[in-house]
Amino acid sequence: MNSATVARAHGCFHVVTGAWPLVHRRSFEAITGPKVDVWLLQTVSGLLVVTGWGQIRAAGADPRSARRIGEGAACTLLAIDVIYASRGRIRRVYFLDAVFQVLWLTAWRRSFPS
């Protein structure tokens, strides 16, 4: 995939996964577990939507910026997923999200050959 395609795909992934708990928190929590701090869930969700929208907008004109946004978000989410799922603080299903983050990082690396 070229960088613009990765940017659009990753951006859409962020918009959809970010919007999900905002649109239907009950189904999100059925999979990821109940959330004590709903405000934090909503904050992270909103930030993912904005991140994704930024990637989509930058896809054609500035794919390097889209890559920096995407890789930064993927690294952050990967670290949180692995650290807190390993400690049992969040459900093990977040390891699946960690796999997705590794796949996004791989896609970005392949879209910008050295």
Protein backbone atom coordinates (compact mmCIF):
# COMPACT_ATOMS: atom_id res chain seq x y z
CA MET A 1 0.00 0.00 0.00
CA ASN A 2 1.16 3.52 -0.65
CA SER A 3 1.35 6.08 2.14
CA ALA A 4 -1.88 7.89 1.19
CA THR A 5 -3.81 4.62 1.31
CA VAL A 6 -2.33 3.71 4.69
CA ALA A 7 -3.15 7.20 6.00
CA ARG A 8 -6.78 6.95 4.88
CA ALA A 9 -7.20 3.38 6.17
CA HIS A 10 -5.57 4.11 9.52
CA GLY A 11 -7.54 7.35 9.82
CA CYS A 12 -10.81 5.52 9.18
CA PHE A 13 -9.81 2.90 11.76
CA HIS A 14 -9.28 5.65 14.33
CA VAL A 15 -12.53 7.42 13.49
CA VAL A 16 -14.57 4.21 13.74
CA THR A 17 -12.91 2.84 16.88
CA GLY A 18 -13.00 6.26 18.51
CA ALA A 19 -16.64 6.88 17.66
CA TRP A 20 -17.81 3.44 18.79
CA PRO A 21 -17.90 4.14 22.56
CA LEU A 22 -19.42 7.57 21.92
CA VAL A 23 -22.21 6.11 19.81
CA HIS A 24 -22.90 2.90 21.75
CA ARG A 25 -21.02 2.66 25.04
CA ARG A 26 -22.92 -0.43 26.16
CA SER A 27 -21.63 -2.61 23.29
CA PHE A 28 -18.12 -1.20 23.69
CA GLU A 29 -18.07 -2.01 27.39
CA ALA A 30 -19.54 -5.48 26.76
CA ILE A 31 -16.29 -6.32 24.97
CA THR A 32 -13.71 -4.14 26.69
CA GLY A 33 -15.15 -4.15 30.21
CA PRO A 34 -16.97 -1.55 32.27
CA LYS A 35 -15.35 1.86 32.59
CA VAL A 36 -15.30 3.71 35.90
CA ASP A 37 -14.28 7.07 34.46
CA VAL A 38 -16.69 7.68 31.59
CA TRP A 39 -15.21 11.14 31.05
CA LEU A 40 -11.82 9.53 30.33
CA LEU A 41 -13.36 7.08 27.86
CA GLN A 42 -15.08 9.97 26.10
CA THR A 43 -11.88 12.03 26.06
CA VAL A 44 -9.78 9.25 24.53
CA SER A 45 -12.57 8.46 22.07
CA GLY A 46 -12.79 12.07 20.96
CA LEU A 47 -9.02 12.28 20.56
CA LEU A 48 -9.02 9.14 18.40
CA VAL A 49 -11.75 10.59 16.17
CA VAL A 50 -9.79 13.82 15.74
CA THR A 51 -6.54 11.90 15.15
CA GLY A 52 -8.21 9.80 12.48
CA TRP A 53 -9.76 12.80 10.81
CA GLY A 54 -6.36 14.49 10.75
CA GLN A 55 -4.81 11.44 9.09
CA ILE A 56 -7.54 11.30 6.47
CA ARG A 57 -7.18 15.02 5.71
CA ALA A 58 -3.38 14.78 5.46
CA ALA A 59 -3.38 11.60 3.36
CA GLY A 60 -2.98 13.20 -0.06
CA ALA A 61 -1.28 16.50 0.70
CA ASP A 62 1.07 15.59 3.56
CA PRO A 63 1.46 11.83 4.04
CA ARG A 64 4.57 12.30 6.22
CA SER A 65 2.48 14.21 8.76
CA ALA A 66 -0.21 11.53 8.58
CA ARG A 67 2.52 8.96 9.24
CA ARG A 68 3.83 10.84 12.29
CA ILE A 69 0.31 11.11 13.69
CA GLY A 70 -0.42 7.46 12.97
CA GLU A 71 2.83 6.08 14.32
CA GLY A 72 2.60 8.23 17.44
CA ALA A 73 -0.94 7.08 18.15
CA ALA A 74 -0.09 3.43 17.41
CA CYS A 75 2.96 3.46 19.70
CA THR A 76 0.99 5.08 22.51
CA LEU A 77 -1.95 2.68 22.23
CA LEU A 78 0.38 -0.33 21.89
CA ALA A 79 2.24 0.59 25.08
CA ILE A 80 -0.97 1.15 27.06
CA ASP A 81 -2.53 -2.07 25.73
CA VAL A 82 0.46 -4.24 26.61
CA ILE A 83 1.32 -2.67 29.97
CA TYR A 84 -2.17 -2.55 31.42
CA ALA A 85 -3.52 -5.79 29.92
CA SER A 86 -0.41 -7.58 31.26
CA ARG A 87 -1.12 -6.20 34.73
CA GLY A 88 -4.79 -7.19 34.57
CA ARG A 89 -5.91 -3.56 34.85
CA ILE A 90 -7.77 -3.82 31.54
CA ARG A 91 -9.20 -6.87 29.82
CA ARG A 92 -7.01 -9.19 27.80
CA VAL A 93 -8.97 -8.25 24.66
CA TYR A 94 -6.70 -5.19 24.55
CA PHE A 95 -3.92 -7.55 23.44
CA LEU A 96 -5.91 -7.85 20.20
CA ASP A 97 -5.80 -4.08 19.86
CA ALA A 98 -2.03 -4.29 20.46
CA VAL A 99 -1.78 -6.63 17.46
CA PHE A 100 -3.66 -4.08 15.34
CA GLN A 101 -1.25 -1.36 16.46
CA VAL A 102 1.74 -3.49 15.41
CA LEU A 103 0.06 -4.07 12.04
CA TRP A 104 -0.43 -0.31 11.58
CA LEU A 105 3.21 0.34 12.44
CA THR A 106 4.23 -2.32 9.92
CA ALA A 107 1.99 -0.81 7.24
CA TRP A 108 3.51 2.62 7.83
CA ARG A 109 7.05 1.22 7.65
CA ARG A 110 6.29 -0.55 4.38
CA SER A 111 4.59 2.48 2.82
CA PHE A 112 7.74 4.58 3.25
CA PRO A 113 10.60 2.42 2.00
CA SER A 114 14.06 3.43 3.19
